[in-house]
């Protein structure tokens, strides 16, 4: 688990919103629910969808909580 994944895990436990870019689409104020490791890949389960960590970029942990 690298440092970005650790920050995402902390955002999940602290219930902070995140924003990131996924396949050149910018997503803002997303609720992360779980960080899942499946077959050597990390997945982020959110309220609306599941995203592959490898395809995410420009990840930001927001101060706002849900």
C-alpha atoms as a PDB file:
ATOM      1  CA  UNK A   1       0.000   0.000   0.000  1.00  0.00           C
ATOM      2  CA  UNK A   2       1.570   3.289  -1.077  1.00  0.00           C
ATOM      3  CA  UNK A   3       1.145   6.704   0.540  1.00  0.00           C
ATOM      4  CA  UNK A   4      -1.827   7.742  -1.642  1.00  0.00           C
ATOM      5  CA  UNK A   5      -3.691   4.585  -0.694  1.00  0.00           C
ATOM      6  CA  UNK A   6      -2.969   5.224   2.982  1.00  0.00           C
ATOM      7  CA  UNK A   7      -4.397   8.740   2.669  1.00  0.00           C
ATOM      8  CA  UNK A   8      -7.484   7.315   0.971  1.00  0.00           C
ATOM      9  CA  UNK A   9      -7.897   4.771   3.766  1.00  0.00           C
ATOM     10  CA  UNK A  10      -7.652   7.621   6.294  1.00  0.00           C
ATOM     11  CA  UNK A  11     -10.301   9.575   4.339  1.00  0.00           C
ATOM     12  CA  UNK A  12     -12.598   6.539   4.485  1.00  0.00           C
ATOM     13  CA  UNK A  13     -12.203   6.130   8.251  1.00  0.00           C
ATOM     14  CA  UNK A  14     -12.512   9.876   8.934  1.00  0.00           C
ATOM     15  CA  UNK A  15     -15.447  10.179   6.488  1.00  0.00           C
ATOM     16  CA  UNK A  16     -13.911  12.979   4.414  1.00  0.00           C
ATOM     17  CA  UNK A  17     -14.997  13.776   0.872  1.00  0.00           C
ATOM     18  CA  UNK A  18     -12.471  13.268  -1.935  1.00  0.00           C
ATOM     19  CA  UNK A  19     -12.040  14.695  -5.414  1.00  0.00           C
ATOM     20  CA  UNK A  20     -10.037  13.132  -8.255  1.00  0.00           C
ATOM     21  CA  UNK A  21      -9.717  12.708 -11.998  1.00  0.00           C
ATOM     22  CA  UNK A  22     -10.793   9.366 -13.467  1.00  0.00           C
ATOM     23  CA  UNK A  23     -10.267   8.661 -17.190  1.00  0.00           C
ATOM     24  CA  UNK A  24      -9.975  12.420 -17.892  1.00  0.00           C
ATOM     25  CA  UNK A  25     -13.245  13.118 -16.074  1.00  0.00           C
ATOM     26  CA  UNK A  26     -13.073  15.293 -12.972  1.00  0.00           C
ATOM     27  CA  UNK A  27     -15.146  14.103 -10.018  1.00  0.00           C
ATOM     28  CA  UNK A  28     -15.661  16.363  -7.018  1.00  0.00           C
ATOM     29  CA  UNK A  29     -17.022  15.860  -3.520  1.00  0.00           C
ATOM     30  CA  UNK A  30     -17.281  12.067  -3.714  1.00  0.00           C
ATOM     31  CA  UNK A  31     -18.097   9.961  -0.631  1.00  0.00           C
ATOM     32  CA  UNK A  32     -15.559   7.107  -0.307  1.00  0.00           C
ATOM     33  CA  UNK A  33     -17.015   4.099   1.524  1.00  0.00           C
ATOM     34  CA  UNK A  34     -14.373   1.356   1.238  1.00  0.00           C
ATOM     35  CA  UNK A  35     -10.864   0.724  -0.042  1.00  0.00           C
ATOM     36  CA  UNK A  36     -10.856  -2.828  -1.412  1.00  0.00           C
ATOM     37  CA  UNK A  37      -7.910  -4.991  -2.508  1.00  0.00           C
ATOM     38  CA  UNK A  38      -8.984  -7.466  -5.167  1.00  0.00           C
ATOM     39  CA  UNK A  39      -6.520  -9.574  -7.183  1.00  0.00           C
ATOM     40  CA  UNK A  40      -3.558  -7.224  -6.576  1.00  0.00           C
ATOM     41  CA  UNK A  41      -5.640  -4.181  -7.576  1.00  0.00           C
ATOM     42  CA  UNK A  42      -7.049  -1.559  -5.275  1.00  0.00           C
ATOM     43  CA  UNK A  43     -10.622  -0.384  -5.768  1.00  0.00           C
ATOM     44  CA  UNK A  44     -12.423   2.538  -4.162  1.00  0.00           C
ATOM     45  CA  UNK A  45     -16.101   1.940  -3.491  1.00  0.00           C
ATOM     46  CA  UNK A  46     -18.069   5.165  -3.365  1.00  0.00           C
ATOM     47  CA  UNK A  47     -21.709   5.947  -2.871  1.00  0.00           C
ATOM     48  CA  UNK A  48     -22.357   5.907  -6.606  1.00  0.00           C
ATOM     49  CA  UNK A  49     -19.742   3.635  -8.242  1.00  0.00           C
ATOM     50  CA  UNK A  50     -16.531   1.601  -7.871  1.00  0.00           C
ATOM     51  CA  UNK A  51     -13.282   3.061  -9.253  1.00  0.00           C
ATOM     52  CA  UNK A  52      -9.901   1.455  -9.954  1.00  0.00           C
ATOM     53  CA  UNK A  53      -7.095   3.162  -8.070  1.00  0.00           C
ATOM     54  CA  UNK A  54      -4.672   2.825 -11.011  1.00  0.00           C
ATOM     55  CA  UNK A  55      -6.904   4.975 -13.224  1.00  0.00           C
ATOM     56  CA  UNK A  56      -7.287   7.719 -10.616  1.00  0.00           C
ATOM     57  CA  UNK A  57      -5.111  10.824 -10.637  1.00  0.00           C
ATOM     58  CA  UNK A  58      -4.964  14.212  -8.918  1.00  0.00           C
ATOM     59  CA  UNK A  59      -6.462  12.762  -5.736  1.00  0.00           C
ATOM     60  CA  UNK A  60      -7.380  15.316  -3.081  1.00  0.00           C
ATOM     61  CA  UNK A  61      -8.748  14.690   0.380  1.00  0.00           C
ATOM     62  CA  UNK A  62     -11.212  17.446   1.223  1.00  0.00           C
ATOM     63  CA  UNK A  63     -11.676  18.892   4.713  1.00  0.00           C
ATOM     64  CA  UNK A  64     -15.442  18.586   4.508  1.00  0.00           C
ATOM     65  CA  UNK A  65     -16.988  15.539   6.157  1.00  0.00           C
ATOM     66  CA  UNK A  66     -20.179  13.620   5.512  1.00  0.00           C
END
